[in-house]
């Protein structure tokens, strides 16, 4: 399986200037072709790639950029155009390739064959020869050891100005596990709520600091809007805003990796079923009264799409089967009698007027997803013995065993690292 390891780089000021120069030229070449395609020019990979020599004559500074980086621009644009044509053929929203903004770092992709590593120093080549060579080779110090046999290295930069090298490498997958089945319902209050065949319930929490970070970002944005653009205070607040925003993204990403690792690695169940939750459905017109808060929570704070993407490759790596199931009406349907009733997002407890079932709405939805999954494979009778609840948070994982009489025991199982 193809994986990637991201390692922070320690660069000198001159090497950072060289990276910024090369990524700016690659971004300019990419944007120039995007604008030509918008004006109606046809895209053909081989024909367009042959025009690189003409671009070098028009802009001599392109000769100071490593040739493999300029060639990668055409490969990246070709992938974007192929995706555009595929979406058009499937009747989806086309999404034409967009112009890359100036404030964003254009990732530089180096093939491993053309790189040199001396201990913990990675040497990145630049363009130009002899007297015409303006920038020397970049000597980047690695803070960690890279994986053996890496194939490609991608240089990127985060919002705080730190540079990273992402090494792609292959790792053998684990053998397929033997075990039961667990169904998860994704949500906002709890990142994932799962139910197993034996009735065990998993509550996996997500990132809890989004409200605090949102308040800080709102304050910074409000102060910056009162300043004159490009002033010293405006630029200072912009740097602080990027730093706080990057810190929020790092913590959110860390919580998503811990939650997905818990499901794919530590849980004993072999088959994982996840509802195909659509983020747009969570902010529909029927929830208009709380739409403003939901938009930010769903699209920015919780990261449901990123969680599913991380869960995909981790289940494949650790030998688990991941399946997606249509979860339409799973929150509205009673898991006891099957009656449907309206369940807006602010209503967190399911109370059935037909059979008297009272249950958390996410647990009820997970039961319906599990029942619907087994209904496709044949008759299934669901048994509900003692329910064990597992809470996964950033600080640790707790297991609670709750009997039918309501007696609860709590102990600390292990710490998430």
Protein backbone atom coordinates (compact mmCIF):
# COMPACT_ATOMS: atom_id res chain seq x y z
CA UNK A 1 0.00 0.00 0.00
CA UNK A 2 1.27 3.48 -0.88
CA UNK A 3 1.68 5.71 2.19
CA UNK A 4 3.18 9.12 2.89
CA UNK A 5 5.32 10.40 5.77
CA UNK A 6 5.52 14.15 6.41
CA UNK A 7 8.75 15.47 7.94
CA UNK A 8 9.53 19.04 8.98
CA UNK A 9 12.48 20.75 7.29
CA UNK A 10 15.05 23.08 8.80
CA UNK A 11 16.03 25.61 6.12
CA UNK A 12 18.29 28.62 5.98
CA UNK A 13 16.92 31.99 4.90
CA UNK A 14 18.54 31.76 1.46
CA UNK A 15 17.13 28.25 0.86
CA UNK A 16 13.66 29.45 1.83
CA UNK A 17 13.95 32.31 -0.69
CA UNK A 18 14.97 29.79 -3.37
CA UNK A 19 11.95 27.59 -2.63
CA UNK A 20 9.61 30.57 -2.74
CA UNK A 21 11.08 31.65 -6.08
CA UNK A 22 10.68 28.23 -7.70
CA UNK A 23 7.16 27.64 -6.41
CA UNK A 24 6.15 31.12 -7.61
CA UNK A 25 7.37 30.39 -11.13
CA UNK A 26 5.65 26.98 -11.19
CA UNK A 27 2.43 28.54 -9.97
CA UNK A 28 2.67 31.27 -12.61
CA UNK A 29 3.13 28.69 -15.37
CA UNK A 30 0.15 26.70 -14.07
CA UNK A 31 -2.10 29.77 -13.86
CA UNK A 32 -1.04 30.94 -17.32
CA UNK A 33 -2.20 27.66 -18.85
CA UNK A 34 -5.44 27.71 -16.85
CA UNK A 35 -6.26 31.16 -18.25
CA UNK A 36 -5.49 30.00 -21.80
CA UNK A 37 -7.78 27.02 -21.36
CA UNK A 38 -10.51 29.30 -20.04
CA UNK A 39 -10.20 31.37 -23.21
CA UNK A 40 -11.06 28.30 -25.28
CA UNK A 41 -7.71 26.69 -26.14
CA UNK A 42 -7.82 22.91 -26.43
CA UNK A 43 -5.79 20.79 -24.04
CA UNK A 44 -3.45 18.13 -25.39
CA UNK A 45 -0.77 16.97 -23.00
CA UNK A 46 2.09 16.24 -25.42
CA UNK A 47 1.50 19.33 -27.56
CA UNK A 48 1.24 21.64 -24.56
CA UNK A 49 4.31 20.19 -22.88
CA UNK A 50 6.40 20.93 -26.01
CA UNK A 51 5.67 24.63 -25.57
CA UNK A 52 7.87 24.75 -22.45
CA UNK A 53 10.84 25.83 -24.57
CA UNK A 54 8.84 28.81 -25.85
CA UNK A 55 7.88 29.70 -22.28
CA UNK A 56 11.56 29.65 -21.27
CA UNK A 57 12.36 32.13 -24.07
CA UNK A 58 9.46 34.38 -23.03
CA UNK A 59 10.44 34.24 -19.33
CA UNK A 60 14.20 33.56 -18.90
CA UNK A 61 13.76 33.17 -15.12
CA UNK A 62 12.16 29.77 -15.77
CA UNK A 63 15.69 28.53 -16.53
CA UNK A 64 16.50 28.98 -12.82
CA UNK A 65 13.78 26.45 -11.90
CA UNK A 66 14.61 22.75 -11.86
CA UNK A 67 13.30 21.17 -15.07
CA UNK A 68 11.49 18.26 -13.36
CA UNK A 69 9.43 20.76 -11.36
CA UNK A 70 8.30 22.54 -14.54
CA UNK A 71 7.41 19.22 -16.16
CA UNK A 72 5.38 18.28 -13.07
CA UNK A 73 3.22 21.37 -13.68
CA UNK A 74 1.95 19.86 -16.95
CA UNK A 75 1.30 16.48 -15.33
CA UNK A 76 -0.67 18.15 -12.55
CA UNK A 77 -2.71 20.20 -15.00
CA UNK A 78 -3.33 17.09 -17.11
CA UNK A 79 -4.73 15.31 -14.05
CA UNK A 80 -7.00 18.27 -13.32
CA UNK A 81 -8.31 18.31 -16.90
CA UNK A 82 -8.90 14.55 -16.89
CA UNK A 83 -10.92 14.91 -13.69
CA UNK A 84 -12.87 17.77 -15.29
CA UNK A 85 -13.78 15.68 -18.36
CA UNK A 86 -14.70 12.71 -16.18
CA UNK A 87 -17.12 14.82 -14.13
CA UNK A 88 -18.66 16.20 -17.32
CA UNK A 89 -19.14 12.68 -18.72
CA UNK A 90 -20.77 11.50 -15.47
CA UNK A 91 -23.16 14.45 -15.35
CA UNK A 92 -21.63 15.90 -12.18
CA UNK A 93 -20.67 19.50 -11.40
CA UNK A 94 -17.76 20.11 -13.85
CA UNK A 95 -15.45 22.14 -11.59
CA UNK A 96 -13.00 23.60 -14.11
CA UNK A 97 -9.37 23.88 -12.86
CA UNK A 98 -8.94 27.03 -10.81
CA UNK A 99 -6.18 29.61 -10.64
CA UNK A 100 -3.83 29.03 -7.71
CA UNK A 101 -3.78 32.06 -5.35
CA UNK A 102 -0.58 33.98 -4.64
CA UNK A 103 -0.71 33.40 -0.87
CA UNK A 104 -0.80 29.60 -1.30
CA UNK A 105 2.38 27.54 -1.65
CA UNK A 106 2.50 25.57 -4.91
CA UNK A 107 3.72 22.11 -3.90
CA UNK A 108 7.03 21.10 -5.51
CA UNK A 109 7.31 17.39 -6.40
CA UNK A 110 10.80 15.88 -6.78
CA UNK A 111 11.32 12.31 -8.07
CA UNK A 112 13.50 10.36 -5.65
CA UNK A 113 15.97 9.45 -8.42
CA UNK A 114 17.17 13.05 -8.73
CA UNK A 115 17.61 13.69 -4.99
CA UNK A 116 20.67 13.21 -2.82
CA UNK A 117 20.56 12.46 0.90
CA UNK A 118 23.61 12.80 3.11
CA UNK A 119 22.70 11.68 6.62
CA UNK A 120 19.86 13.89 7.77
CA UNK A 121 20.42 16.45 4.96
CA UNK A 122 18.28 16.37 1.82
CA UNK A 123 19.81 18.12 -1.21
CA UNK A 124 17.23 19.58 -3.61
CA UNK A 125 18.56 20.57 -7.06
CA UNK A 126 17.78 23.91 -8.71
CA UNK A 127 17.90 25.16 -12.31
CA UNK A 128 20.65 26.81 -14.31
CA UNK A 129 24.19 25.76 -15.27
CA UNK A 130 27.60 27.33 -14.98
CA UNK A 131 27.67 31.12 -14.88
CA UNK A 132 23.91 31.27 -15.45
CA UNK A 133 23.15 29.42 -12.24
CA UNK A 134 21.71 31.96 -9.80
CA UNK A 135 20.54 29.74 -6.93
CA UNK A 136 22.71 26.95 -5.46
CA UNK A 137 21.28 23.57 -4.48
CA UNK A 138 19.04 23.63 -1.41
CA UNK A 139 20.35 21.83 1.67
CA UNK A 140 17.36 20.95 3.85
CA UNK A 141 17.92 19.31 7.22
CA UNK A 142 15.39 16.63 8.16
CA UNK A 143 14.07 16.50 11.72
CA UNK A 144 13.31 12.75 11.35
CA UNK A 145 14.67 9.84 9.38
CA UNK A 146 12.82 9.33 6.07
CA UNK A 147 11.35 5.91 5.21
CA UNK A 148 13.47 3.48 3.24
CA UNK A 149 12.84 3.19 -0.47
CA UNK A 150 10.80 6.39 -0.86
CA UNK A 151 9.67 7.15 -4.42
CA UNK A 152 8.78 10.84 -4.51
CA UNK A 153 9.24 13.89 -2.28
CA UNK A 154 6.72 16.76 -2.16
CA UNK A 155 7.82 20.08 -0.60
CA UNK A 156 5.03 22.10 1.03
CA UNK A 157 4.53 24.97 3.48
CA UNK A 158 1.91 25.46 6.19
CA UNK A 159 0.20 28.61 7.42
CA UNK A 160 2.90 29.30 10.04
CA UNK A 161 5.69 29.40 7.46
CA UNK A 162 7.17 25.97 8.25
CA UNK A 163 8.37 23.80 5.37
CA UNK A 164 7.74 20.05 5.14
CA UNK A 165 8.84 17.17 2.94
CA UNK A 166 6.33 14.39 2.26
CA UNK A 167 7.94 11.04 1.37
CA UNK A 168 5.80 8.49 -0.47
CA UNK A 169 6.67 4.84 0.15
CA UNK A 170 5.08 1.40 0.05
CA UNK A 171 4.17 -0.65 3.10
CA UNK A 172 2.76 -4.20 3.04
CA UNK A 173 -0.84 -4.56 4.21
CA UNK A 174 -1.78 -6.74 7.16
CA UNK A 175 -3.68 -9.99 6.73
CA UNK A 176 -7.46 -9.85 6.77
CA UNK A 177 -8.84 -10.10 10.28
CA UNK A 178 -11.55 -12.39 11.61
CA UNK A 179 -14.27 -10.85 13.74
CA UNK A 180 -17.71 -9.34 13.95
CA UNK A 181 -19.39 -6.30 12.46
CA UNK A 182 -19.75 -2.75 13.73
CA UNK A 183 -21.91 0.01 12.22
CA UNK A 184 -21.09 3.70 12.73
CA UNK A 185 -23.28 6.75 12.43
CA UNK A 186 -21.41 10.02 11.82
CA UNK A 187 -22.67 13.16 13.49
CA UNK A 188 -21.87 16.59 14.92
CA UNK A 189 -22.28 16.13 18.67
CA UNK A 190 -20.28 12.89 18.55
CA UNK A 191 -17.93 12.19 15.66
CA UNK A 192 -18.97 8.52 15.35
CA UNK A 193 -21.41 6.34 17.27
CA UNK A 194 -21.14 2.60 16.66
CA UNK A 195 -23.12 -0.53 17.49
CA UNK A 196 -21.89 -4.14 17.19
CA UNK A 197 -23.79 -7.39 16.71
CA UNK A 198 -23.59 -8.09 20.44
CA UNK A 199 -25.09 -4.70 21.31
CA UNK A 200 -21.83 -3.03 22.33
CA UNK A 201 -21.94 0.74 21.81
CA UNK A 202 -18.95 2.91 20.86
CA UNK A 203 -18.96 6.68 21.33
CA UNK A 204 -15.94 8.17 19.56
CA UNK A 205 -15.50 11.87 20.20
CA UNK A 206 -13.87 14.33 17.83
CA UNK A 207 -12.17 17.70 18.13
CA UNK A 208 -13.55 19.67 21.11
CA UNK A 209 -11.68 22.98 20.84
CA UNK A 210 -13.32 24.40 17.73
CA UNK A 211 -15.46 26.95 19.61
CA UNK A 212 -12.49 28.45 21.42
CA UNK A 213 -10.46 28.74 18.22
CA UNK A 214 -13.42 30.20 16.34
CA UNK A 215 -13.77 32.96 18.92
CA UNK A 216 -10.08 33.83 18.59
CA UNK A 217 -10.28 33.84 14.80
CA UNK A 218 -13.40 36.01 14.83
CA UNK A 219 -11.69 38.55 17.09
CA UNK A 220 -8.62 38.70 14.86
CA UNK A 221 -10.73 39.04 11.72
CA UNK A 222 -12.76 41.83 13.32
CA UNK A 223 -9.63 43.76 14.33
CA UNK A 224 -8.05 43.30 10.91
CA UNK A 225 -11.15 44.58 9.11
CA UNK A 226 -10.75 47.94 10.90
CA UNK A 227 -7.15 48.39 9.74
CA UNK A 228 -5.90 49.89 6.52
CA UNK A 229 -4.94 47.19 4.03
CA UNK A 230 -1.22 46.41 3.76
CA UNK A 231 -0.47 48.44 6.87
CA UNK A 232 1.93 47.10 9.52
CA UNK A 233 -0.89 46.19 11.88
CA UNK A 234 -2.88 44.58 9.06
CA UNK A 235 0.06 42.37 8.07
CA UNK A 236 0.79 41.51 11.71
CA UNK A 237 -2.82 40.44 12.36
CA UNK A 238 -2.79 38.40 9.15
CA UNK A 239 0.25 36.46 10.36
CA UNK A 240 -1.35 35.85 13.75
CA UNK A 241 -4.57 34.73 12.04
CA UNK A 242 -2.68 32.22 9.89
CA UNK A 243 -0.80 30.91 12.92
CA UNK A 244 -3.96 30.35 14.98
CA UNK A 245 -5.80 28.83 12.03
CA UNK A 246 -2.93 26.41 11.37
CA UNK A 247 -2.87 25.39 15.03
CA UNK A 248 -6.59 24.66 14.86
CA UNK A 249 -6.16 22.54 11.73
CA UNK A 250 -3.30 20.57 13.31
CA UNK A 251 -5.33 19.72 16.41
CA UNK A 252 -8.36 18.80 14.33
CA UNK A 253 -6.25 16.56 12.09
CA UNK A 254 -4.69 14.91 15.14
CA UNK A 255 -8.09 14.07 16.63
CA UNK A 256 -9.30 12.61 13.30
CA UNK A 257 -6.21 10.38 13.07
CA UNK A 258 -6.71 9.15 16.64
CA UNK A 259 -10.37 8.36 16.04
CA UNK A 260 -9.72 6.54 12.75
CA UNK A 261 -6.79 4.63 14.29
CA UNK A 262 -9.04 3.50 17.12
CA UNK A 263 -11.62 2.12 14.68
CA UNK A 264 -9.22 0.58 12.16
CA UNK A 265 -6.55 -0.73 14.51
CA UNK A 266 -7.81 -1.29 18.06
CA UNK A 267 -11.38 -2.43 17.65
CA UNK A 268 -11.70 -6.20 17.24
CA UNK A 269 -14.53 -6.11 14.68
CA UNK A 270 -13.44 -7.00 11.15
CA UNK A 271 -16.21 -5.30 9.13
CA UNK A 272 -16.90 -1.58 9.53
CA UNK A 273 -20.09 -0.08 8.09
CA UNK A 274 -20.37 3.69 7.78
CA UNK A 275 -23.39 5.65 6.61
CA UNK A 276 -22.87 7.71 3.46
CA UNK A 277 -23.57 10.97 5.26
CA UNK A 278 -23.83 14.03 3.02
CA UNK A 279 -22.70 17.26 4.64
CA UNK A 280 -25.14 19.25 2.50
CA UNK A 281 -28.06 17.27 3.89
CA UNK A 282 -27.14 18.39 7.41
CA UNK A 283 -27.67 22.08 6.54
CA UNK A 284 -30.84 21.84 4.47
CA UNK A 285 -33.66 24.41 4.55
CA UNK A 286 -35.56 22.44 7.17
CA UNK A 287 -32.80 23.34 9.66
CA UNK A 288 -32.78 27.02 8.70
CA UNK A 289 -33.30 28.25 12.26
CA UNK A 290 -29.81 26.99 13.26
CA UNK A 291 -28.25 27.13 9.83
CA UNK A 292 -25.50 29.65 10.61
CA UNK A 293 -23.92 27.60 13.38
CA UNK A 294 -24.38 24.33 11.49
CA UNK A 295 -22.63 25.59 8.36
CA UNK A 296 -19.46 26.33 10.27
CA UNK A 297 -19.61 23.17 12.36
CA UNK A 298 -20.25 20.83 9.43
CA UNK A 299 -18.02 22.29 6.74
CA UNK A 300 -15.16 23.69 8.82
CA UNK A 301 -14.96 22.35 12.37
CA UNK A 302 -15.85 18.68 12.35
CA UNK A 303 -14.06 17.40 9.23
CA UNK A 304 -16.40 14.50 8.40
CA UNK A 305 -15.13 14.13 4.84
CA UNK A 306 -11.48 14.07 5.95
CA UNK A 307 -12.35 11.50 8.63
CA UNK A 308 -13.88 9.16 6.04
CA UNK A 309 -10.89 9.53 3.72
CA UNK A 310 -8.45 8.73 6.55
CA UNK A 311 -10.58 5.77 7.63
CA UNK A 312 -10.52 4.33 4.11
CA UNK A 313 -6.78 3.83 3.84
CA UNK A 314 -6.34 2.79 7.48
CA UNK A 315 -8.92 0.03 7.20
CA UNK A 316 -7.17 -1.20 4.07
CA UNK A 317 -3.78 -1.04 5.79
CA UNK A 318 -4.87 -2.95 8.90
CA UNK A 319 -6.84 -5.64 7.07
CA UNK A 320 -10.41 -4.50 7.76
CA UNK A 321 -13.37 -4.32 5.42
CA UNK A 322 -14.99 -0.89 5.11
CA UNK A 323 -18.43 -0.57 3.52
CA UNK A 324 -20.71 2.40 2.96
CA UNK A 325 -24.48 2.12 3.32
CA UNK A 326 -27.34 4.41 2.41
CA UNK A 327 -28.41 5.98 5.70
CA UNK A 328 -31.57 7.65 4.43
CA UNK A 329 -34.18 7.94 7.22
CA UNK A 330 -31.97 6.06 9.71
CA UNK A 331 -32.31 8.93 12.20
CA UNK A 332 -36.06 9.24 11.63
CA UNK A 333 -36.84 5.52 11.87
CA UNK A 334 -37.41 3.77 15.18
CA UNK A 335 -35.01 0.85 15.63
CA UNK A 336 -37.67 -0.99 17.68
CA UNK A 337 -40.87 -0.78 15.62
CA UNK A 338 -39.73 0.94 12.42
CA UNK A 339 -42.03 3.97 12.62
CA UNK A 340 -40.84 7.19 10.96
CA UNK A 341 -41.05 10.59 12.61
CA UNK A 342 -39.46 14.00 12.09
CA UNK A 343 -36.05 14.43 13.77
CA UNK A 344 -34.46 17.88 13.32
CA UNK A 345 -30.79 18.16 14.23
CA UNK A 346 -31.44 20.02 17.48
CA UNK A 347 -33.43 17.05 18.79
CA UNK A 348 -30.81 14.70 20.24
CA UNK A 349 -33.03 12.06 21.90
CA UNK A 350 -35.28 9.74 19.93
CA UNK A 351 -38.66 9.16 21.61
CA UNK A 352 -41.00 6.83 19.75
CA UNK A 353 -44.69 7.54 20.30
CA UNK A 354 -45.62 4.09 18.98
CA UNK A 355 -43.55 1.67 21.11
CA UNK A 356 -42.17 4.06 23.76
CA UNK A 357 -38.50 3.59 22.83
CA UNK A 358 -36.23 6.31 24.29
CA UNK A 359 -32.69 6.34 22.91
CA UNK A 360 -29.98 8.71 21.77
CA UNK A 361 -30.59 9.61 18.14
CA UNK A 362 -27.08 8.58 17.02
CA UNK A 363 -27.35 5.19 18.75
CA UNK A 364 -30.75 4.65 17.16
CA UNK A 365 -29.32 5.52 13.74
CA UNK A 366 -26.39 3.12 14.23
CA UNK A 367 -28.83 0.31 15.10
CA UNK A 368 -30.77 1.01 11.90
CA UNK A 369 -27.60 1.02 9.79
CA UNK A 370 -26.51 -2.33 11.26
CA UNK A 371 -29.96 -3.85 10.74
CA UNK A 372 -30.12 -2.54 7.19
CA UNK A 373 -26.69 -4.02 6.43
CA UNK A 374 -27.64 -7.50 7.61
CA UNK A 375 -31.01 -7.29 5.86
CA UNK A 376 -29.17 -7.27 2.56
CA UNK A 377 -27.40 -10.54 3.44
CA UNK A 378 -30.38 -12.48 4.72
CA UNK A 379 -32.46 -12.94 7.90
CA UNK A 380 -30.95 -11.40 11.00
CA UNK A 381 -32.12 -11.37 14.61
CA UNK A 382 -30.60 -8.70 16.77
CA UNK A 383 -29.77 -9.59 20.36
CA UNK A 384 -29.10 -6.92 22.97
CA UNK A 385 -27.19 -8.20 26.01
CA UNK A 386 -25.20 -5.94 28.28
CA UNK A 387 -24.13 -2.74 26.55
CA UNK A 388 -20.53 -1.59 26.80
CA UNK A 389 -19.79 2.02 25.94
CA UNK A 390 -16.34 3.11 24.78
CA UNK A 391 -15.50 6.81 24.77
CA UNK A 392 -12.53 8.01 22.71
CA UNK A 393 -11.35 11.52 23.38
CA UNK A 394 -8.13 13.43 22.97
CA UNK A 395 -7.09 12.71 26.54
CA UNK A 396 -7.79 8.98 26.51
CA UNK A 397 -10.23 6.14 26.03
CA UNK A 398 -12.72 5.06 28.65
CA UNK A 399 -14.82 1.90 28.76
CA UNK A 400 -18.09 1.83 30.62
CA UNK A 401 -20.09 -1.34 31.11
CA UNK A 402 -23.78 -0.63 31.67
CA UNK A 403 -26.14 -3.41 32.67
CA UNK A 404 -29.85 -3.34 31.93
CA UNK A 405 -30.60 -2.11 35.47
CA UNK A 406 -28.47 0.99 34.86
CA UNK A 407 -25.44 0.11 37.02
CA UNK A 408 -22.32 1.75 35.57
CA UNK A 409 -18.66 0.98 36.13
CA UNK A 410 -15.86 3.15 34.76
CA UNK A 411 -12.12 2.50 34.30
CA UNK A 412 -9.29 3.86 32.21
CA UNK A 413 -8.29 1.33 29.53
CA UNK A 414 -5.40 2.97 27.70
CA UNK A 415 -4.17 6.35 26.57
CA UNK A 416 -4.29 7.53 22.98
CA UNK A 417 -0.88 8.54 21.75
